[in-house]
N, C-alpha and C. Protein backbone atom coordinates (compact mmCIF):
# COMPACT_ATOMS: atom_id res chain seq x y z
N GLN A 1 0.81 -1.20 0.00
CA GLN A 1 0.00 0.00 0.00
C GLN A 1 0.85 1.26 0.00
N VAL A 2 2.06 1.19 0.55
CA VAL A 2 2.92 2.36 0.57
C VAL A 2 3.28 2.77 -0.86
N LYS A 3 3.56 1.80 -1.71
CA LYS A 3 3.87 2.13 -3.11
C LYS A 3 2.68 2.81 -3.77
N GLU A 4 1.48 2.33 -3.46
CA GLU A 4 0.27 2.95 -4.01
C GLU A 4 0.14 4.40 -3.55
N LEU A 5 0.52 4.66 -2.31
CA LEU A 5 0.47 6.02 -1.79
C LEU A 5 1.37 6.94 -2.63
N PHE A 6 2.58 6.50 -2.86
CA PHE A 6 3.52 7.36 -3.60
C PHE A 6 3.14 7.45 -5.08
N ARG A 7 2.51 6.43 -5.61
CA ARG A 7 1.97 6.54 -6.98
C ARG A 7 0.86 7.58 -7.01
N ALA A 8 0.01 7.57 -5.98
CA ALA A 8 -1.08 8.55 -5.90
C ALA A 8 -0.53 9.97 -5.78
N VAL A 9 0.56 10.12 -5.04
CA VAL A 9 1.19 11.43 -4.93
C VAL A 9 1.65 11.89 -6.31
N MET A 10 2.33 11.03 -7.04
CA MET A 10 2.85 11.41 -8.35
C MET A 10 1.74 11.69 -9.36
N ARG A 11 0.57 11.05 -9.17
CA ARG A 11 -0.59 11.32 -10.05
C ARG A 11 -1.39 12.52 -9.55
N ASP A 12 -1.02 13.06 -8.38
CA ASP A 12 -1.75 14.15 -7.73
C ASP A 12 -3.21 13.75 -7.52
N ASP A 13 -3.36 12.58 -6.88
CA ASP A 13 -4.68 11.96 -6.70
C ASP A 13 -5.06 11.92 -5.21
N PRO A 14 -5.65 13.01 -4.69
CA PRO A 14 -5.99 13.03 -3.27
C PRO A 14 -7.07 12.01 -2.89
N THR A 15 -7.92 11.65 -3.83
CA THR A 15 -8.96 10.66 -3.54
C THR A 15 -8.33 9.33 -3.16
N MET A 16 -7.29 8.92 -3.88
CA MET A 16 -6.61 7.67 -3.56
C MET A 16 -5.89 7.77 -2.23
N VAL A 17 -5.29 8.92 -1.95
CA VAL A 17 -4.61 9.13 -0.66
C VAL A 17 -5.61 8.97 0.48
N GLU A 18 -6.77 9.61 0.34
CA GLU A 18 -7.81 9.50 1.37
C GLU A 18 -8.29 8.06 1.51
N TRP A 19 -8.45 7.37 0.40
CA TRP A 19 -8.91 5.97 0.44
C TRP A 19 -7.89 5.10 1.17
N LEU A 20 -6.61 5.30 0.85
CA LEU A 20 -5.55 4.53 1.52
C LEU A 20 -5.55 4.81 3.03
N ALA A 21 -5.76 6.05 3.39
CA ALA A 21 -5.83 6.41 4.81
C ALA A 21 -7.02 5.72 5.47
N SER A 22 -8.13 5.67 4.76
CA SER A 22 -9.33 5.03 5.32
C SER A 22 -9.14 3.52 5.50
N LYS A 23 -8.20 2.95 4.76
CA LYS A 23 -7.90 1.52 4.87
C LYS A 23 -6.82 1.25 5.93
N GLY A 24 -6.39 2.31 6.63
CA GLY A 24 -5.47 2.12 7.73
C GLY A 24 -4.02 2.43 7.44
N LEU A 25 -3.69 2.84 6.23
CA LEU A 25 -2.31 3.18 5.93
C LEU A 25 -1.95 4.51 6.60
N ASP A 26 -0.81 4.58 7.23
CA ASP A 26 -0.34 5.82 7.84
C ASP A 26 0.24 6.70 6.74
N VAL A 27 -0.64 7.45 6.08
CA VAL A 27 -0.21 8.26 4.94
C VAL A 27 0.68 9.43 5.36
N LEU A 28 0.61 9.81 6.63
CA LEU A 28 1.45 10.91 7.11
C LEU A 28 2.83 10.42 7.53
N GLY A 29 2.94 9.19 7.94
CA GLY A 29 4.21 8.66 8.43
C GLY A 29 4.98 7.82 7.44
N ALA A 30 4.35 7.40 6.36
CA ALA A 30 5.00 6.51 5.38
C ALA A 30 6.15 7.25 4.69
N ARG A 31 7.19 6.50 4.36
CA ARG A 31 8.37 7.04 3.68
C ARG A 31 8.67 6.21 2.44
N ASN A 32 9.20 6.87 1.42
CA ASN A 32 9.60 6.14 0.22
C ASN A 32 11.07 5.72 0.35
N SER A 33 11.62 5.16 -0.71
CA SER A 33 13.00 4.65 -0.65
C SER A 33 14.02 5.77 -0.49
N ALA A 34 13.64 7.00 -0.81
CA ALA A 34 14.52 8.16 -0.61
C ALA A 34 14.29 8.79 0.76
N ASN A 35 13.51 8.12 1.60
CA ASN A 35 13.18 8.58 2.95
C ASN A 35 12.37 9.88 2.95
N LEU A 36 11.59 10.10 1.90
CA LEU A 36 10.70 11.26 1.84
C LEU A 36 9.31 10.83 2.26
N SER A 37 8.64 11.71 2.99
CA SER A 37 7.24 11.46 3.30
C SER A 37 6.41 11.80 2.06
N ALA A 38 5.17 11.38 2.06
CA ALA A 38 4.28 11.69 0.94
C ALA A 38 4.12 13.20 0.81
N LEU A 39 4.04 13.89 1.94
CA LEU A 39 3.89 15.34 1.92
C LEU A 39 5.14 16.02 1.36
N GLN A 40 6.30 15.56 1.75
CA GLN A 40 7.53 16.13 1.20
C GLN A 40 7.59 15.94 -0.31
N LEU A 41 7.28 14.74 -0.76
CA LEU A 41 7.32 14.46 -2.20
C LEU A 41 6.30 15.32 -2.95
N ALA A 42 5.10 15.42 -2.40
CA ALA A 42 4.06 16.23 -3.05
C ALA A 42 4.52 17.69 -3.18
N ASN A 43 5.11 18.22 -2.12
CA ASN A 43 5.58 19.61 -2.19
C ASN A 43 6.74 19.77 -3.15
N GLU A 44 7.67 18.82 -3.13
CA GLU A 44 8.83 18.90 -4.03
C GLU A 44 8.42 18.84 -5.49
N ARG A 45 7.42 18.02 -5.78
CA ARG A 45 7.01 17.82 -7.18
C ARG A 45 5.86 18.71 -7.60
N GLY A 46 5.40 19.60 -6.73
CA GLY A 46 4.32 20.52 -7.09
C GLY A 46 2.96 19.86 -7.22
N LYS A 47 2.74 18.78 -6.49
CA LYS A 47 1.46 18.07 -6.53
C LYS A 47 0.53 18.72 -5.49
N GLU A 48 -0.07 19.84 -5.88
CA GLU A 48 -0.79 20.70 -4.95
C GLU A 48 -2.03 20.05 -4.33
N ALA A 49 -2.78 19.30 -5.11
CA ALA A 49 -4.00 18.70 -4.58
C ALA A 49 -3.67 17.70 -3.47
N VAL A 50 -2.67 16.87 -3.69
CA VAL A 50 -2.26 15.89 -2.69
C VAL A 50 -1.62 16.60 -1.50
N ALA A 51 -0.80 17.60 -1.75
CA ALA A 51 -0.16 18.34 -0.66
C ALA A 51 -1.22 18.97 0.24
N ASP A 52 -2.24 19.58 -0.37
CA ASP A 52 -3.33 20.18 0.42
C ASP A 52 -4.05 19.12 1.23
N CYS A 53 -4.33 17.99 0.61
CA CYS A 53 -5.01 16.88 1.28
C CYS A 53 -4.20 16.41 2.49
N LEU A 54 -2.90 16.19 2.30
CA LEU A 54 -2.05 15.71 3.38
C LEU A 54 -1.90 16.76 4.48
N GLN A 55 -1.83 18.02 4.11
CA GLN A 55 -1.73 19.08 5.12
C GLN A 55 -3.01 19.15 5.94
N ARG A 56 -4.16 18.97 5.29
CA ARG A 56 -5.43 18.94 6.04
C ARG A 56 -5.45 17.76 7.00
N MET A 57 -4.98 16.60 6.52
CA MET A 57 -4.93 15.42 7.39
C MET A 57 -4.01 15.66 8.58
N ALA A 58 -2.86 16.29 8.33
CA ALA A 58 -1.91 16.56 9.40
C ALA A 58 -2.51 17.54 10.41
N ALA A 59 -3.20 18.54 9.90
CA ALA A 59 -3.83 19.52 10.80
C ALA A 59 -4.92 18.85 11.63
N ALA A 60 -5.68 17.95 11.01
CA ALA A 60 -6.74 17.24 11.73
C ALA A 60 -6.14 16.32 12.79
N ALA A 61 -4.98 15.77 12.48
CA ALA A 61 -4.33 14.84 13.41
C ALA A 61 -3.56 15.58 14.50
N GLU A 62 -3.34 16.87 14.31
CA GLU A 62 -2.57 17.63 15.29
C GLU A 62 -3.22 17.51 16.66
N GLY A 63 -2.39 17.28 17.63
CA GLY A 63 -2.91 17.11 18.97
C GLY A 63 -3.07 15.66 19.36
N THR A 64 -3.05 14.75 18.38
CA THR A 64 -3.08 13.33 18.73
C THR A 64 -1.65 12.85 18.77
N GLN A 65 -1.34 12.02 19.72
CA GLN A 65 0.05 11.58 19.90
C GLN A 65 0.61 10.90 18.67
N ALA A 66 -0.18 10.11 18.00
CA ALA A 66 0.34 9.30 16.90
C ALA A 66 0.88 10.15 15.76
N HIS A 67 0.31 11.33 15.54
CA HIS A 67 0.71 12.10 14.37
C HIS A 67 1.28 13.47 14.68
N GLU A 68 1.66 13.73 15.91
CA GLU A 68 2.26 15.03 16.21
C GLU A 68 3.48 15.30 15.35
N PRO A 69 4.39 14.33 15.16
CA PRO A 69 5.54 14.60 14.29
C PRO A 69 5.11 14.93 12.86
N ALA A 70 4.07 14.29 12.36
CA ALA A 70 3.62 14.56 11.00
C ALA A 70 3.07 15.97 10.88
N ALA A 71 2.38 16.46 11.90
CA ALA A 71 1.86 17.82 11.87
C ALA A 71 3.02 18.81 11.89
N ALA A 72 4.02 18.54 12.69
CA ALA A 72 5.21 19.41 12.71
C ALA A 72 5.91 19.35 11.36
N GLU A 73 5.95 18.17 10.78
CA GLU A 73 6.59 18.02 9.47
C GLU A 73 5.85 18.83 8.41
N ALA A 74 4.53 18.89 8.50
CA ALA A 74 3.74 19.65 7.53
C ALA A 74 4.18 21.11 7.53
N ALA A 75 4.41 21.66 8.70
CA ALA A 75 4.86 23.04 8.80
C ALA A 75 6.27 23.18 8.22
N ALA A 76 7.13 22.23 8.49
CA ALA A 76 8.50 22.29 7.98
C ALA A 76 8.53 22.15 6.46
N VAL A 77 7.70 21.27 5.94
CA VAL A 77 7.69 21.03 4.50
C VAL A 77 7.17 22.25 3.75
N ALA A 78 6.31 23.01 4.39
CA ALA A 78 5.81 24.23 3.74
C ALA A 78 6.97 25.16 3.42
N ARG A 79 8.07 25.04 4.16
CA ARG A 79 9.25 25.86 3.92
C ARG A 79 10.29 25.13 3.07
N ALA A 80 9.98 23.94 2.61
CA ALA A 80 10.94 23.14 1.84
C ALA A 80 11.24 23.80 0.50
N PRO A 81 12.45 23.59 -0.01
CA PRO A 81 12.81 24.20 -1.29
C PRO A 81 12.00 23.60 -2.43
N THR A 82 11.77 24.42 -3.43
CA THR A 82 11.07 23.97 -4.62
C THR A 82 12.06 23.28 -5.56
N ASP A 83 11.52 22.57 -6.54
CA ASP A 83 12.38 21.93 -7.54
C ASP A 83 13.27 22.97 -8.22
N GLU A 84 12.71 24.14 -8.52
CA GLU A 84 13.46 25.18 -9.21
C GLU A 84 14.62 25.68 -8.35
N ARG A 85 14.36 25.83 -7.07
CA ARG A 85 15.42 26.30 -6.17
C ARG A 85 16.53 25.24 -6.05
N VAL A 86 16.14 23.98 -6.01
CA VAL A 86 17.13 22.91 -5.96
C VAL A 86 17.97 22.93 -7.24
N LYS A 87 17.33 23.16 -8.38
CA LYS A 87 18.08 23.23 -9.64
C LYS A 87 19.06 24.40 -9.63
N GLU A 88 18.61 25.56 -9.11
CA GLU A 88 19.51 26.72 -9.01
C GLU A 88 20.72 26.39 -8.14
N LEU A 89 20.45 25.73 -7.03
CA LEU A 89 21.53 25.36 -6.12
C LEU A 89 22.51 24.40 -6.81
N PHE A 90 21.96 23.42 -7.52
CA PHE A 90 22.80 22.46 -8.24
C PHE A 90 23.67 23.18 -9.27
N ARG A 91 23.07 24.11 -10.02
CA ARG A 91 23.84 24.86 -11.02
C ARG A 91 24.97 25.65 -10.37
N ALA A 92 24.68 26.28 -9.22
CA ALA A 92 25.71 27.04 -8.52
C ALA A 92 26.84 26.14 -8.06
N VAL A 93 26.49 24.94 -7.58
CA VAL A 93 27.51 23.98 -7.16
C VAL A 93 28.36 23.58 -8.36
N MET A 94 27.73 23.31 -9.48
CA MET A 94 28.47 22.89 -10.68
C MET A 94 29.37 24.00 -11.21
N ARG A 95 28.97 25.27 -11.00
CA ARG A 95 29.82 26.41 -11.41
C ARG A 95 30.89 26.72 -10.38
N ASP A 96 30.84 26.01 -9.24
CA ASP A 96 31.77 26.26 -8.13
C ASP A 96 31.63 27.70 -7.63
N ASP A 97 30.39 28.17 -7.57
CA ASP A 97 30.07 29.53 -7.14
C ASP A 97 29.67 29.49 -5.67
N ALA A 98 30.68 29.57 -4.79
CA ALA A 98 30.45 29.41 -3.35
C ALA A 98 29.50 30.46 -2.79
N ALA A 99 29.62 31.69 -3.26
CA ALA A 99 28.75 32.76 -2.76
C ALA A 99 27.29 32.48 -3.10
N GLU A 100 27.05 32.02 -4.32
CA GLU A 100 25.67 31.71 -4.73
C GLU A 100 25.13 30.50 -3.98
N VAL A 101 25.97 29.50 -3.77
CA VAL A 101 25.57 28.31 -3.00
C VAL A 101 25.19 28.74 -1.59
N GLU A 102 26.00 29.58 -0.97
CA GLU A 102 25.72 30.04 0.38
C GLU A 102 24.41 30.83 0.42
N ARG A 103 24.21 31.70 -0.57
CA ARG A 103 22.98 32.50 -0.62
C ARG A 103 21.76 31.60 -0.75
N LEU A 104 21.80 30.64 -1.67
CA LEU A 104 20.67 29.76 -1.90
C LEU A 104 20.43 28.84 -0.72
N ALA A 105 21.48 28.34 -0.11
CA ALA A 105 21.34 27.42 1.02
C ALA A 105 20.81 28.14 2.25
N GLY A 106 21.08 29.43 2.35
CA GLY A 106 20.64 30.19 3.51
C GLY A 106 19.22 30.69 3.43
N GLU A 107 18.60 30.64 2.27
CA GLU A 107 17.23 31.15 2.11
C GLU A 107 16.23 30.26 2.78
């Protein structure tokens, strides 16, 4: 079911995410092989519908012991770098532009 969750993220399919959650899958705590949560992946890949769905789930779970870390993660992921920013950082590293790397990493 975890693989199905991450497939749903990549398809930007919140209905499937909700269905998997209803079947007992911990959609907020599950990690892929890159150790990313579904919410992190959704934000990184611009999957807005799924990201919104997962953030709502995290907010609803806030205050329950089982998902407190996931709710905190939702707030942290909101500040996560975008794909474009990661590409800019990679380009700066490849140009050996230390000042630009520092600027981008500090944002």
